[in-house]
Structure formats: C-alpha cells, structure tokens
Amino acid sequence: MRLTQATDYAIRAVLHLAHLPKGTTVEANEIATAQSIPVRFLLKIFRSLAAAGIVGSQRGPGGGYVLLRDPAQVTLLDILEAVEGPTAINRCLIDADFCSRHAADYCPVRQAMASVQKVLAAELARYDIATLAAHEHKGEG
C-alpha cells in the first residue's frame, strides 16, 4: 500500500496551517513555496480538504486558506480520507460484490485484510495534527 503524493502534500499543507495562529488566512502560493508543492496541485488538494471541512477558503484581498478545525481534532486518517476517499486495502472491503468468487462472507483472506485495515485506520486516527506540528516545530519529526 502506498499513499499518493496528494495525501503527502495535504498533510504538509495542513501542518503548515497548524503552525499559524488560530484563524490565520494564508495564500496558497505561500504554502506551496514553503512546502515545495506545485501551486496548481495544492489548489486541487485544498478543494478536497475544504469539502471535508478541514480547511476553508476566502476569496479576494487578504484571502487564502485557513484551518477550520482544531489541529488536535484533525487526524492523519481525516486527511487521507479527505484526499483519497474511504480507506480500503482490498477492493472487496469496499464492496463484497467485487469478489469474483462470491465468497466475501467466509473468505479468510478478506477477514485478514479487514483486520489489518482496522488496525491501520486506528493507527492513522491516533496521530493528530497538533501533536505532529508540535514535534515538527521542536525538530522531533
């Protein structure tokens, strides 16, 4: 399993916003430059983050992007799902009908993958942006 570049950029952008005083609006160009993210790609990512209620956007002079949620209430899982959609390490976990054997109800592989997915989601949910930002700021991460 490999996360997309968009998810990596989204995490970096949200971390950038978390370092700012609450309610601070910053232009996408500033974040893109600071985080070495192509600005057009960042704008696309921000649309996904905004749809998930993680960031907000303000148009016009003084406009830009702002973190809407408390960084302690935003997890890596939240960001991943905002950008990638629901987590599923195997397609049969998305929809049992994807199983060509029609064995979803009793397949031991599906059961194992579901267990792994549950652990992965729990671990991603354990890491919040406030904690990561604090460690990053101290040079610990």
Protein backbone atom coordinates (compact mmCIF):
# COMPACT_ATOMS: atom_id res chain seq x y z
CA MET A 1 0.00 0.00 0.00
CA ARG A 2 1.29 3.41 -0.91
CA LEU A 3 -0.25 6.81 -0.26
CA THR A 4 -0.44 9.20 -3.18
CA GLN A 5 1.64 12.35 -3.49
CA ALA A 6 -1.58 14.31 -2.97
CA THR A 7 -2.00 12.87 0.52
CA ASP A 8 1.60 13.67 1.43
CA TYR A 9 1.13 17.24 0.20
CA ALA A 10 -2.19 17.55 2.03
CA ILE A 11 -0.60 16.53 5.32
CA ARG A 12 2.24 19.02 4.79
CA ALA A 13 -0.19 21.82 3.92
CA VAL A 14 -2.38 21.16 6.97
CA LEU A 15 0.73 21.03 9.18
CA HIS A 16 1.77 24.39 7.74
CA LEU A 17 -1.60 25.88 8.66
CA ALA A 18 -1.42 24.33 12.14
CA HIS A 19 1.77 26.28 12.87
CA LEU A 20 -0.05 29.57 12.33
CA PRO A 21 -2.11 31.40 14.95
CA LYS A 22 -5.71 30.21 15.03
CA GLY A 23 -7.82 31.79 12.29
CA THR A 24 -4.85 32.94 10.20
CA THR A 25 -5.56 33.00 6.49
CA VAL A 26 -2.62 32.38 4.16
CA GLU A 27 -2.35 32.37 0.39
CA ALA A 28 -1.84 29.07 -1.40
CA ASN A 29 1.31 30.45 -3.05
CA GLU A 30 2.93 30.97 0.35
CA ILE A 31 2.16 27.41 1.45
CA ALA A 32 3.22 25.98 -1.91
CA THR A 33 6.57 27.77 -1.73
CA ALA A 34 7.21 26.90 1.91
CA GLN A 35 6.31 23.23 1.42
CA SER A 36 7.72 22.75 -2.11
CA ILE A 37 4.31 21.84 -3.53
CA PRO A 38 3.22 22.82 -7.05
CA VAL A 39 0.60 25.53 -6.50
CA ARG A 40 -1.90 24.13 -9.04
CA PHE A 41 -1.74 20.73 -7.34
CA LEU A 42 -2.13 22.36 -3.92
CA LEU A 43 -5.27 24.21 -5.05
CA LYS A 44 -6.79 20.88 -6.13
CA ILE A 45 -5.86 19.33 -2.77
CA PHE A 46 -7.38 22.26 -0.89
CA ARG A 47 -10.70 21.65 -2.67
CA SER A 48 -10.77 18.15 -1.18
CA LEU A 49 -9.75 19.39 2.26
CA ALA A 50 -12.40 22.12 2.10
CA ALA A 51 -15.10 19.61 1.10
CA ALA A 52 -14.16 17.61 4.20
CA GLY A 53 -14.42 20.70 6.41
CA ILE A 54 -10.75 20.67 7.35
CA VAL A 55 -9.83 23.97 5.68
CA GLY A 56 -11.81 26.94 4.50
CA SER A 57 -11.09 29.38 1.72
CA GLN A 58 -11.60 33.11 1.49
CA ARG A 59 -11.54 34.94 -1.82
CA GLY A 60 -10.33 38.42 -2.57
CA PRO A 61 -7.70 40.67 -0.98
CA GLY A 62 -6.40 39.09 2.20
CA GLY A 63 -7.93 35.81 1.11
CA GLY A 64 -6.43 32.39 1.17
CA TYR A 65 -6.82 29.26 3.24
CA VAL A 66 -7.46 28.76 6.92
CA LEU A 67 -7.58 25.69 9.14
CA LEU A 68 -11.22 25.35 10.21
CA ARG A 69 -10.84 22.62 12.79
CA ASP A 70 -8.74 22.48 15.91
CA PRO A 71 -5.48 20.74 14.90
CA ALA A 72 -5.96 18.34 17.82
CA GLN A 73 -9.19 17.22 16.15
CA VAL A 74 -7.68 16.55 12.71
CA THR A 75 -6.00 13.18 12.27
CA LEU A 76 -3.92 11.63 9.55
CA LEU A 77 -6.94 9.43 8.81
CA ASP A 78 -9.12 12.52 8.32
CA ILE A 79 -6.68 13.96 5.80
CA LEU A 80 -6.13 10.67 4.00
CA GLU A 81 -9.86 10.10 3.61
CA ALA A 82 -10.45 13.70 2.50
CA VAL A 83 -7.95 13.26 -0.32
CA GLU A 84 -8.18 9.56 -1.17
CA GLY A 85 -11.69 8.63 -0.04
CA PRO A 86 -12.53 5.84 2.39
CA THR A 87 -9.62 3.61 3.31
CA ALA A 88 -9.70 0.11 1.89
CA ILE A 89 -6.62 -2.02 1.43
CA ASN A 90 -8.52 -4.50 -0.72
CA ARG A 91 -11.37 -3.78 -3.11
CA CYS A 92 -13.58 -6.49 -1.60
CA LEU A 93 -13.58 -4.44 1.60
CA ILE A 94 -15.22 -1.60 -0.31
CA ASP A 95 -17.93 -3.79 -1.78
CA ALA A 96 -18.40 -7.53 -1.27
CA ASP A 97 -19.62 -7.77 -4.87
CA PHE A 98 -16.06 -7.19 -6.05
CA CYS A 99 -15.28 -10.76 -5.01
CA SER A 100 -15.27 -12.81 -8.21
CA ARG A 101 -15.66 -15.96 -6.10
CA HIS A 102 -18.72 -14.56 -4.29
CA ALA A 103 -17.04 -15.67 -1.09
CA ALA A 104 -16.93 -12.40 0.84
CA ASP A 105 -18.94 -13.79 3.74
CA TYR A 106 -16.50 -16.60 4.50
CA CYS A 107 -13.22 -15.72 2.75
CA PRO A 108 -10.30 -15.94 5.20
CA VAL A 109 -8.23 -13.51 3.13
CA ARG A 110 -10.96 -10.88 3.30
CA GLN A 111 -11.26 -11.42 7.05
CA ALA A 112 -7.50 -10.99 7.46
CA MET A 113 -7.45 -7.87 5.28
CA ALA A 114 -10.37 -6.40 7.23
CA SER A 115 -8.43 -6.94 10.45
CA VAL A 116 -5.32 -5.27 9.02
CA GLN A 117 -7.40 -2.38 7.69
CA LYS A 118 -8.98 -1.84 11.10
CA VAL A 119 -5.54 -1.61 12.74
CA LEU A 120 -4.26 0.72 10.01
CA ALA A 121 -7.24 3.06 10.37
CA ALA A 122 -6.88 3.09 14.16
CA GLU A 123 -3.19 3.97 13.90
CA LEU A 124 -3.83 6.77 11.39
CA ALA A 125 -6.58 8.12 13.65
CA ARG A 126 -4.19 8.09 16.61
CA TYR A 127 -1.95 10.80 15.12
CA ASP A 128 -3.42 14.29 15.28
CA ILE A 129 -2.05 17.37 13.54
CA ALA A 130 -1.48 19.33 16.78
CA THR A 131 0.86 16.66 18.12
CA LEU A 132 2.67 16.27 14.81
CA ALA A 133 3.05 20.05 14.47
CA ALA A 134 4.46 20.30 17.99
CA HIS A 135 7.06 17.64 17.23
CA GLU A 136 7.88 19.16 13.87
CA HIS A 137 8.34 22.60 15.45
CA LYS A 138 10.76 21.16 18.01
CA GLY A 139 12.67 19.33 15.30
CA GLU A 140 11.50 15.95 16.57
CA GLY A 141 9.81 14.75 13.45
